[in-house]
ModelCIF file with pLDDT and N, C-alpha, C, O atoms, coordinates in Angstrom:
data_MODEL
#
_entry.id   MODEL 
#
_entity.id                         1 
_entity.type                       polymer 
_entity.pdbx_number_of_molecules   1 
#
_entity_poly.entity_id                      1 
_entity_poly.type                           'polypeptide(L)' 
_entity_poly.nstd_linkage                   no 
_entity_poly.nstd_monomer                   no 
_entity_poly.pdbx_seq_one_letter_code       
;(UNK)(UNK)(UNK)(UNK)(UNK)(UNK)(UNK)(UNK)(UNK)(UNK)(UNK)(UNK)(UNK)(UNK)(UNK)(UNK)
(UNK)(UNK)(UNK)(UNK)(UNK)(UNK)(UNK)(UNK)(UNK)(UNK)(UNK)(UNK)(UNK)(UNK)(UNK)(UNK)
(UNK)(UNK)(UNK)(UNK)(UNK)(UNK)(UNK)(UNK)
;
_entity_poly.pdbx_seq_one_letter_code_can   XXXXXXXXXXXXXXXXXXXXXXXXXXXXXXXXXXXXXXXX 
_entity_poly.pdbx_strand_id                 A 
#
loop_
_entity_poly_seq.entity_id 
_entity_poly_seq.num 
_entity_poly_seq.mon_id 
_entity_poly_seq.hetero 
1 1  UNK n 
1 2  UNK n 
1 3  UNK n 
1 4  UNK n 
1 5  UNK n 
1 6  UNK n 
1 7  UNK n 
1 8  UNK n 
1 9  UNK n 
1 10 UNK n 
1 11 UNK n 
1 12 UNK n 
1 13 UNK n 
1 14 UNK n 
1 15 UNK n 
1 16 UNK n 
1 17 UNK n 
1 18 UNK n 
1 19 UNK n 
1 20 UNK n 
1 21 UNK n 
1 22 UNK n 
1 23 UNK n 
1 24 UNK n 
1 25 UNK n 
1 26 UNK n 
1 27 UNK n 
1 28 UNK n 
1 29 UNK n 
1 30 UNK n 
1 31 UNK n 
1 32 UNK n 
1 33 UNK n 
1 34 UNK n 
1 35 UNK n 
1 36 UNK n 
1 37 UNK n 
1 38 UNK n 
1 39 UNK n 
1 40 UNK n 
#
_struct_asym.id          A 
_struct_asym.entity_id   1 
#
loop_
_ma_qa_metric.id 
_ma_qa_metric.mode 
_ma_qa_metric.name 
_ma_qa_metric.software_group_id 
_ma_qa_metric.type 
1 global pLDDT . pLDDT 
2 local  pLDDT . pLDDT 
#
_ma_qa_metric_global.metric_id      1 
_ma_qa_metric_global.metric_value   79.58 
_ma_qa_metric_global.model_id       1 
_ma_qa_metric_global.ordinal_id     1 
#
loop_
_ma_qa_metric_local.label_asym_id 
_ma_qa_metric_local.label_comp_id 
_ma_qa_metric_local.label_seq_id 
_ma_qa_metric_local.metric_id 
_ma_qa_metric_local.metric_value 
_ma_qa_metric_local.model_id 
_ma_qa_metric_local.ordinal_id 
A UNK 1  2 97.00 1 1  
A UNK 2  2 96.00 1 2  
A UNK 3  2 97.00 1 3  
A UNK 4  2 97.00 1 4  
A UNK 5  2 97.00 1 5  
A UNK 6  2 96.00 1 6  
A UNK 7  2 96.00 1 7  
A UNK 8  2 97.00 1 8  
A UNK 9  2 96.00 1 9  
A UNK 10 2 95.00 1 10 
A UNK 11 2 94.00 1 11 
A UNK 12 2 93.00 1 12 
A UNK 13 2 92.00 1 13 
A UNK 14 2 89.00 1 14 
A UNK 15 2 90.00 1 15 
A UNK 16 2 95.00 1 16 
A UNK 17 2 96.00 1 17 
A UNK 18 2 97.00 1 18 
A UNK 19 2 97.00 1 19 
A UNK 20 2 95.00 1 20 
A UNK 21 2 94.00 1 21 
A UNK 22 2 90.00 1 22 
A UNK 23 2 81.00 1 23 
A UNK 24 2 66.00 1 24 
A UNK 25 2 60.00 1 25 
A UNK 26 2 54.00 1 26 
A UNK 27 2 55.00 1 27 
A UNK 28 2 55.00 1 28 
A UNK 29 2 58.00 1 29 
A UNK 30 2 56.00 1 30 
A UNK 31 2 61.00 1 31 
A UNK 32 2 59.00 1 32 
A UNK 33 2 58.00 1 33 
A UNK 34 2 56.00 1 34 
A UNK 35 2 55.00 1 35 
A UNK 36 2 53.00 1 36 
A UNK 37 2 56.00 1 37 
A UNK 38 2 66.00 1 38 
A UNK 39 2 71.00 1 39 
A UNK 40 2 77.00 1 40 
#
loop_
_atom_site.group_PDB 
_atom_site.id 
_atom_site.type_symbol 
_atom_site.label_atom_id 
_atom_site.label_alt_id 
_atom_site.label_comp_id 
_atom_site.label_asym_id 
_atom_site.label_entity_id 
_atom_site.label_seq_id 
_atom_site.pdbx_PDB_ins_code 
_atom_site.Cartn_x 
_atom_site.Cartn_y 
_atom_site.Cartn_z 
_atom_site.occupancy 
_atom_site.B_iso_or_equiv 
_atom_site.pdbx_formal_charge 
_atom_site.auth_seq_id 
_atom_site.auth_comp_id 
_atom_site.auth_asym_id 
_atom_site.auth_atom_id 
_atom_site.pdbx_PDB_model_num 
ATOM 1   N N  . UNK A 1 1  ? 85.731 36.804 -65.124 1.00 97.00 ? 1  UNK A N  1 
ATOM 2   C CA . UNK A 1 1  ? 84.692 37.254 -64.185 1.00 97.00 ? 1  UNK A CA 1 
ATOM 3   C C  . UNK A 1 1  ? 84.220 38.663 -64.538 1.00 97.00 ? 1  UNK A C  1 
ATOM 4   O O  . UNK A 1 1  ? 83.019 38.937 -64.525 1.00 97.00 ? 1  UNK A O  1 
ATOM 5   N N  . UNK A 1 2  ? 85.150 39.548 -64.849 1.00 96.00 ? 2  UNK A N  1 
ATOM 6   C CA . UNK A 1 2  ? 84.783 40.920 -65.223 1.00 96.00 ? 2  UNK A CA 1 
ATOM 7   C C  . UNK A 1 2  ? 83.977 40.941 -66.512 1.00 96.00 ? 2  UNK A C  1 
ATOM 8   O O  . UNK A 1 2  ? 82.996 41.676 -66.622 1.00 96.00 ? 2  UNK A O  1 
ATOM 9   N N  . UNK A 1 3  ? 84.386 40.135 -67.491 1.00 97.00 ? 3  UNK A N  1 
ATOM 10  C CA . UNK A 1 3  ? 83.682 40.089 -68.778 1.00 97.00 ? 3  UNK A CA 1 
ATOM 11  C C  . UNK A 1 3  ? 82.270 39.539 -68.616 1.00 97.00 ? 3  UNK A C  1 
ATOM 12  O O  . UNK A 1 3  ? 81.322 40.079 -69.186 1.00 97.00 ? 3  UNK A O  1 
ATOM 13  N N  . UNK A 1 4  ? 82.130 38.470 -67.845 1.00 97.00 ? 4  UNK A N  1 
ATOM 14  C CA . UNK A 1 4  ? 80.797 37.893 -67.640 1.00 97.00 ? 4  UNK A CA 1 
ATOM 15  C C  . UNK A 1 4  ? 79.900 38.872 -66.898 1.00 97.00 ? 4  UNK A C  1 
ATOM 16  O O  . UNK A 1 4  ? 78.746 39.065 -67.280 1.00 97.00 ? 4  UNK A O  1 
ATOM 17  N N  . UNK A 1 5  ? 80.417 39.491 -65.843 1.00 97.00 ? 5  UNK A N  1 
ATOM 18  C CA . UNK A 1 5  ? 79.621 40.449 -65.067 1.00 97.00 ? 5  UNK A CA 1 
ATOM 19  C C  . UNK A 1 5  ? 79.212 41.643 -65.921 1.00 97.00 ? 5  UNK A C  1 
ATOM 20  O O  . UNK A 1 5  ? 78.064 42.083 -65.862 1.00 97.00 ? 5  UNK A O  1 
ATOM 21  N N  . UNK A 1 6  ? 80.131 42.163 -66.706 1.00 96.00 ? 6  UNK A N  1 
ATOM 22  C CA . UNK A 1 6  ? 79.832 43.307 -67.573 1.00 96.00 ? 6  UNK A CA 1 
ATOM 23  C C  . UNK A 1 6  ? 78.726 42.967 -68.562 1.00 96.00 ? 6  UNK A C  1 
ATOM 24  O O  . UNK A 1 6  ? 77.819 43.770 -68.780 1.00 96.00 ? 6  UNK A O  1 
ATOM 25  N N  . UNK A 1 7  ? 78.796 41.794 -69.155 1.00 96.00 ? 7  UNK A N  1 
ATOM 26  C CA . UNK A 1 7  ? 77.804 41.379 -70.132 1.00 96.00 ? 7  UNK A CA 1 
ATOM 27  C C  . UNK A 1 7  ? 76.439 41.165 -69.474 1.00 96.00 ? 7  UNK A C  1 
ATOM 28  O O  . UNK A 1 7  ? 75.418 41.591 -70.014 1.00 96.00 ? 7  UNK A O  1 
ATOM 29  N N  . UNK A 1 8  ? 76.418 40.513 -68.320 1.00 97.00 ? 8  UNK A N  1 
ATOM 30  C CA . UNK A 1 8  ? 75.155 40.290 -67.613 1.00 97.00 ? 8  UNK A CA 1 
ATOM 31  C C  . UNK A 1 8  ? 74.549 41.609 -67.148 1.00 97.00 ? 8  UNK A C  1 
ATOM 32  O O  . UNK A 1 8  ? 73.333 41.790 -67.210 1.00 97.00 ? 8  UNK A O  1 
ATOM 33  N N  . UNK A 1 9  ? 75.386 42.526 -66.686 1.00 96.00 ? 9  UNK A N  1 
ATOM 34  C CA . UNK A 1 9  ? 74.905 43.829 -66.225 1.00 96.00 ? 9  UNK A CA 1 
ATOM 35  C C  . UNK A 1 9  ? 74.264 44.589 -67.385 1.00 96.00 ? 9  UNK A C  1 
ATOM 36  O O  . UNK A 1 9  ? 73.210 45.204 -67.223 1.00 96.00 ? 9  UNK A O  1 
ATOM 37  N N  . UNK A 1 10 ? 74.896 44.546 -68.542 1.00 95.00 ? 10 UNK A N  1 
ATOM 38  C CA . UNK A 1 10 ? 74.334 45.206 -69.727 1.00 95.00 ? 10 UNK A CA 1 
ATOM 39  C C  . UNK A 1 10 ? 73.017 44.546 -70.140 1.00 95.00 ? 10 UNK A C  1 
ATOM 40  O O  . UNK A 1 10 ? 72.063 45.233 -70.505 1.00 95.00 ? 10 UNK A O  1 
ATOM 41  N N  . UNK A 1 11 ? 72.967 43.224 -70.082 1.00 94.00 ? 11 UNK A N  1 
ATOM 42  C CA . UNK A 1 11 ? 71.730 42.509 -70.436 1.00 94.00 ? 11 UNK A CA 1 
ATOM 43  C C  . UNK A 1 11 ? 70.599 42.870 -69.485 1.00 94.00 ? 11 UNK A C  1 
ATOM 44  O O  . UNK A 1 11 ? 69.438 42.917 -69.892 1.00 94.00 ? 11 UNK A O  1 
ATOM 45  N N  . UNK A 1 12 ? 70.926 43.123 -68.230 1.00 93.00 ? 12 UNK A N  1 
ATOM 46  C CA . UNK A 1 12 ? 69.926 43.484 -67.235 1.00 93.00 ? 12 UNK A CA 1 
ATOM 47  C C  . UNK A 1 12 ? 69.552 44.944 -67.261 1.00 93.00 ? 12 UNK A C  1 
ATOM 48  O O  . UNK A 1 12 ? 68.827 45.402 -66.379 1.00 93.00 ? 12 UNK A O  1 
ATOM 49  N N  . UNK A 1 13 ? 70.017 45.688 -68.235 1.00 92.00 ? 13 UNK A N  1 
ATOM 50  C CA . UNK A 1 13 ? 69.664 47.085 -68.371 1.00 92.00 ? 13 UNK A CA 1 
ATOM 51  C C  . UNK A 1 13 ? 70.384 48.000 -67.403 1.00 92.00 ? 13 UNK A C  1 
ATOM 52  O O  . UNK A 1 13 ? 69.965 49.141 -67.210 1.00 92.00 ? 13 UNK A O  1 
ATOM 53  N N  . UNK A 1 14 ? 71.455 47.529 -66.792 1.00 89.00 ? 14 UNK A N  1 
ATOM 54  C CA . UNK A 1 14 ? 72.219 48.349 -65.868 1.00 89.00 ? 14 UNK A CA 1 
ATOM 55  C C  . UNK A 1 14 ? 71.631 48.433 -64.478 1.00 89.00 ? 14 UNK A C  1 
ATOM 56  O O  . UNK A 1 14 ? 72.052 49.264 -63.673 1.00 89.00 ? 14 UNK A O  1 
ATOM 57  N N  . UNK A 1 15 ? 70.669 47.588 -64.187 1.00 90.00 ? 15 UNK A N  1 
ATOM 58  C CA . UNK A 1 15 ? 70.057 47.629 -62.864 1.00 90.00 ? 15 UNK A CA 1 
ATOM 59  C C  . UNK A 1 15 ? 70.048 46.301 -62.142 1.00 90.00 ? 15 UNK A C  1 
ATOM 60  O O  . UNK A 1 15 ? 69.676 46.221 -60.972 1.00 90.00 ? 15 UNK A O  1 
ATOM 61  N N  . UNK A 1 16 ? 70.461 45.254 -62.847 1.00 95.00 ? 16 UNK A N  1 
ATOM 62  C CA . UNK A 1 16 ? 70.479 43.937 -62.222 1.00 95.00 ? 16 UNK A CA 1 
ATOM 63  C C  . UNK A 1 16 ? 71.288 42.955 -63.064 1.00 95.00 ? 16 UNK A C  1 
ATOM 64  O O  . UNK A 1 16 ? 71.501 43.153 -64.260 1.00 95.00 ? 16 UNK A O  1 
ATOM 65  N N  . UNK A 1 17 ? 71.720 41.912 -62.410 1.00 96.00 ? 17 UNK A N  1 
ATOM 66  C CA . UNK A 1 17 ? 72.384 40.797 -63.081 1.00 96.00 ? 17 UNK A CA 1 
ATOM 67  C C  . UNK A 1 17 ? 71.960 39.533 -62.356 1.00 96.00 ? 17 UNK A C  1 
ATOM 68  O O  . UNK A 1 17 ? 71.863 39.517 -61.129 1.00 96.00 ? 17 UNK A O  1 
ATOM 69  N N  . UNK A 1 18 ? 71.712 38.490 -63.104 1.00 97.00 ? 18 UNK A N  1 
ATOM 70  C CA . UNK A 1 18 ? 71.350 37.197 -62.536 1.00 97.00 ? 18 UNK A CA 1 
ATOM 71  C C  . UNK A 1 18 ? 72.422 36.194 -62.949 1.00 97.00 ? 18 UNK A C  1 
ATOM 72  O O  . UNK A 1 18 ? 72.764 36.077 -64.125 1.00 97.00 ? 18 UNK A O  1 
ATOM 73  N N  . UNK A 1 19 ? 72.938 35.481 -61.968 1.00 97.00 ? 19 UNK A N  1 
ATOM 74  C CA . UNK A 1 19 ? 73.958 34.463 -62.222 1.00 97.00 ? 19 UNK A CA 1 
ATOM 75  C C  . UNK A 1 19 ? 73.340 33.104 -61.918 1.00 97.00 ? 19 UNK A C  1 
ATOM 76  O O  . UNK A 1 19 ? 72.772 32.893 -60.846 1.00 97.00 ? 19 UNK A O  1 
ATOM 77  N N  . UNK A 1 20 ? 73.456 32.194 -62.865 1.00 95.00 ? 20 UNK A N  1 
ATOM 78  C CA . UNK A 1 20 ? 72.935 30.840 -62.693 1.00 95.00 ? 20 UNK A CA 1 
ATOM 79  C C  . UNK A 1 20 ? 74.089 29.887 -62.393 1.00 95.00 ? 20 UNK A C  1 
ATOM 80  O O  . UNK A 1 20 ? 75.104 29.883 -63.089 1.00 95.00 ? 20 UNK A O  1 
ATOM 81  N N  . UNK A 1 21 ? 73.917 29.088 -61.355 1.00 94.00 ? 21 UNK A N  1 
ATOM 82  C CA . UNK A 1 21 ? 74.881 28.045 -61.017 1.00 94.00 ? 21 UNK A CA 1 
ATOM 83  C C  . UNK A 1 21 ? 74.139 26.735 -60.845 1.00 94.00 ? 21 UNK A C  1 
ATOM 84  O O  . UNK A 1 21 ? 72.929 26.723 -60.619 1.00 94.00 ? 21 UNK A O  1 
ATOM 85  N N  . UNK A 1 22 ? 74.860 25.640 -60.952 1.00 90.00 ? 22 UNK A N  1 
ATOM 86  C CA . UNK A 1 22 ? 74.271 24.314 -60.768 1.00 90.00 ? 22 UNK A CA 1 
ATOM 87  C C  . UNK A 1 22 ? 74.473 23.896 -59.317 1.00 90.00 ? 22 UNK A C  1 
ATOM 88  O O  . UNK A 1 22 ? 75.577 23.986 -58.781 1.00 90.00 ? 22 UNK A O  1 
ATOM 89  N N  . UNK A 1 23 ? 73.402 23.444 -58.697 1.00 81.00 ? 23 UNK A N  1 
ATOM 90  C CA . UNK A 1 23 ? 73.453 22.983 -57.317 1.00 81.00 ? 23 UNK A CA 1 
ATOM 91  C C  . UNK A 1 23 ? 73.609 21.470 -57.279 1.00 81.00 ? 23 UNK A C  1 
ATOM 92  O O  . UNK A 1 23 ? 73.707 20.815 -58.316 1.00 81.00 ? 23 UNK A O  1 
ATOM 93  N N  . UNK A 1 24 ? 73.631 20.931 -56.075 1.00 66.00 ? 24 UNK A N  1 
ATOM 94  C CA . UNK A 1 24 ? 73.737 19.481 -55.890 1.00 66.00 ? 24 UNK A CA 1 
ATOM 95  C C  . UNK A 1 24 ? 72.527 18.789 -56.506 1.00 66.00 ? 24 UNK A C  1 
ATOM 96  O O  . UNK A 1 24 ? 71.468 19.402 -56.635 1.00 66.00 ? 24 UNK A O  1 
ATOM 97  N N  . UNK A 1 25 ? 72.667 17.526 -56.888 1.00 60.00 ? 25 UNK A N  1 
ATOM 98  C CA . UNK A 1 25 ? 71.555 16.796 -57.489 1.00 60.00 ? 25 UNK A CA 1 
ATOM 99  C C  . UNK A 1 25 ? 70.330 16.759 -56.568 1.00 60.00 ? 25 UNK A C  1 
ATOM 100 O O  . UNK A 1 25 ? 70.435 16.532 -55.363 1.00 60.00 ? 25 UNK A O  1 
ATOM 101 N N  . UNK A 1 26 ? 69.183 16.990 -57.178 1.00 54.00 ? 26 UNK A N  1 
ATOM 102 C CA . UNK A 1 26 ? 67.916 16.885 -56.465 1.00 54.00 ? 26 UNK A CA 1 
ATOM 103 C C  . UNK A 1 26 ? 66.947 16.094 -57.315 1.00 54.00 ? 26 UNK A C  1 
ATOM 104 O O  . UNK A 1 26 ? 67.147 15.951 -58.521 1.00 54.00 ? 26 UNK A O  1 
ATOM 105 N N  . UNK A 1 27 ? 65.914 15.586 -56.705 1.00 55.00 ? 27 UNK A N  1 
ATOM 106 C CA . UNK A 1 27 ? 64.910 14.822 -57.440 1.00 55.00 ? 27 UNK A CA 1 
ATOM 107 C C  . UNK A 1 27 ? 63.718 15.725 -57.715 1.00 55.00 ? 27 UNK A C  1 
ATOM 108 O O  . UNK A 1 27 ? 63.047 16.192 -56.795 1.00 55.00 ? 27 UNK A O  1 
ATOM 109 N N  . UNK A 1 28 ? 63.468 15.962 -58.992 1.00 55.00 ? 28 UNK A N  1 
ATOM 110 C CA . UNK A 1 28 ? 62.349 16.791 -59.403 1.00 55.00 ? 28 UNK A CA 1 
ATOM 111 C C  . UNK A 1 28 ? 61.584 16.039 -60.468 1.00 55.00 ? 28 UNK A C  1 
ATOM 112 O O  . UNK A 1 28 ? 62.167 15.502 -61.410 1.00 55.00 ? 28 UNK A O  1 
ATOM 113 N N  . UNK A 1 29 ? 60.289 16.007 -60.312 1.00 58.00 ? 29 UNK A N  1 
ATOM 114 C CA . UNK A 1 29 ? 59.449 15.379 -61.326 1.00 58.00 ? 29 UNK A CA 1 
ATOM 115 C C  . UNK A 1 29 ? 59.104 16.436 -62.369 1.00 58.00 ? 29 UNK A C  1 
ATOM 116 O O  . UNK A 1 29 ? 58.569 17.486 -62.013 1.00 58.00 ? 29 UNK A O  1 
ATOM 117 N N  . UNK A 1 30 ? 59.396 16.189 -63.655 1.00 56.00 ? 30 UNK A N  1 
ATOM 118 C CA . UNK A 1 30 ? 59.091 17.173 -64.680 1.00 56.00 ? 30 UNK A CA 1 
ATOM 119 C C  . UNK A 1 30 ? 57.587 17.371 -64.826 1.00 56.00 ? 30 UNK A C  1 
ATOM 120 O O  . UNK A 1 30 ? 56.801 16.448 -64.616 1.00 56.00 ? 30 UNK A O  1 
ATOM 121 N N  . UNK A 1 31 ? 57.202 18.595 -65.191 1.00 61.00 ? 31 UNK A N  1 
ATOM 122 C CA . UNK A 1 31 ? 55.802 18.913 -65.421 1.00 61.00 ? 31 UNK A CA 1 
ATOM 123 C C  . UNK A 1 31 ? 55.400 18.414 -66.798 1.00 61.00 ? 31 UNK A C  1 
ATOM 124 O O  . UNK A 1 31 ? 56.260 18.122 -67.629 1.00 61.00 ? 31 UNK A O  1 
ATOM 125 N N  . UNK A 1 32 ? 54.107 18.315 -67.046 1.00 59.00 ? 32 UNK A N  1 
ATOM 126 C CA . UNK A 1 32 ? 53.578 17.784 -68.301 1.00 59.00 ? 32 UNK A CA 1 
ATOM 127 C C  . UNK A 1 32 ? 54.259 18.326 -69.535 1.00 59.00 ? 32 UNK A C  1 
ATOM 128 O O  . UNK A 1 32 ? 54.401 19.540 -69.686 1.00 59.00 ? 32 UNK A O  1 
ATOM 129 N N  . UNK A 1 33 ? 54.677 17.452 -70.409 1.00 58.00 ? 33 UNK A N  1 
ATOM 130 C CA . UNK A 1 33 ? 55.305 17.829 -71.661 1.00 58.00 ? 33 UNK A CA 1 
ATOM 131 C C  . UNK A 1 33 ? 56.798 18.096 -71.569 1.00 58.00 ? 33 UNK A C  1 
ATOM 132 O O  . UNK A 1 33 ? 57.452 18.245 -72.601 1.00 58.00 ? 33 UNK A O  1 
ATOM 133 N N  . UNK A 1 34 ? 57.352 18.161 -70.382 1.00 56.00 ? 34 UNK A N  1 
ATOM 134 C CA . UNK A 1 34 ? 58.786 18.414 -70.204 1.00 56.00 ? 34 UNK A CA 1 
ATOM 135 C C  . UNK A 1 34 ? 59.489 17.119 -69.837 1.00 56.00 ? 34 UNK A C  1 
ATOM 136 O O  . UNK A 1 34 ? 58.886 16.204 -69.276 1.00 56.00 ? 34 UNK A O  1 
ATOM 137 N N  . UNK A 1 35 ? 60.743 17.058 -70.157 1.00 55.00 ? 35 UNK A N  1 
ATOM 138 C CA . UNK A 1 35 ? 61.508 15.876 -69.807 1.00 55.00 ? 35 UNK A CA 1 
ATOM 139 C C  . UNK A 1 35 ? 62.722 16.311 -69.000 1.00 55.00 ? 35 UNK A C  1 
ATOM 140 O O  . UNK A 1 35 ? 63.362 17.312 -69.322 1.00 55.00 ? 35 UNK A O  1 
ATOM 141 N N  . UNK A 1 36 ? 63.033 15.567 -67.965 1.00 53.00 ? 36 UNK A N  1 
ATOM 142 C CA . UNK A 1 36 ? 64.154 15.904 -67.077 1.00 53.00 ? 36 UNK A CA 1 
ATOM 143 C C  . UNK A 1 36 ? 65.480 15.675 -67.797 1.00 53.00 ? 36 UNK A C  1 
ATOM 144 O O  . UNK A 1 36 ? 65.626 14.712 -68.549 1.00 53.00 ? 36 UNK A O  1 
ATOM 145 N N  . UNK A 1 37 ? 66.452 16.569 -67.562 1.00 56.00 ? 37 UNK A N  1 
ATOM 146 C CA . UNK A 1 37 ? 67.763 16.379 -68.166 1.00 56.00 ? 37 UNK A CA 1 
ATOM 147 C C  . UNK A 1 37 ? 68.874 16.414 -67.114 1.00 56.00 ? 37 UNK A C  1 
ATOM 148 O O  . UNK A 1 37 ? 70.056 16.414 -67.458 1.00 56.00 ? 37 UNK A O  1 
ATOM 149 N N  . UNK A 1 38 ? 68.498 16.444 -65.844 1.00 66.00 ? 38 UNK A N  1 
ATOM 150 C CA . UNK A 1 38 ? 69.408 16.435 -64.698 1.00 66.00 ? 38 UNK A CA 1 
ATOM 151 C C  . UNK A 1 38 ? 70.375 17.624 -64.668 1.00 66.00 ? 38 UNK A C  1 
ATOM 152 O O  . UNK A 1 38 ? 71.339 17.621 -63.902 1.00 66.00 ? 38 UNK A O  1 
ATOM 153 N N  . UNK A 1 39 ? 70.127 18.614 -65.480 1.00 71.00 ? 39 UNK A N  1 
ATOM 154 C CA . UNK A 1 39 ? 70.938 19.832 -65.462 1.00 71.00 ? 39 UNK A CA 1 
ATOM 155 C C  . UNK A 1 39 ? 70.054 21.037 -65.149 1.00 71.00 ? 39 UNK A C  1 
ATOM 156 O O  . UNK A 1 39 ? 70.271 21.745 -64.166 1.00 71.00 ? 39 UNK A O  1 
ATOM 157 N N  . UNK A 1 40 ? 69.075 21.251 -65.986 1.00 77.00 ? 40 UNK A N  1 
ATOM 158 C CA . UNK A 1 40 ? 68.193 22.404 -65.824 1.00 77.00 ? 40 UNK A CA 1 
ATOM 159 C C  . UNK A 1 40 ? 67.500 22.388 -64.467 1.00 77.00 ? 40 UNK A C  1 
ATOM 160 O O  . UNK A 1 40 ? 66.719 23.289 -64.162 1.00 77.00 ? 40 UNK A O  1 
#
């Protein structure tokens, strides 16, 4: 946790960090040219 936070903080320039997590399955229609992969 410390290593991930430190790396994300550095990537954000020392002013922010964004953490991505996967939520419960939802139904989304992909936009033109994109294909759904049920993860992104």
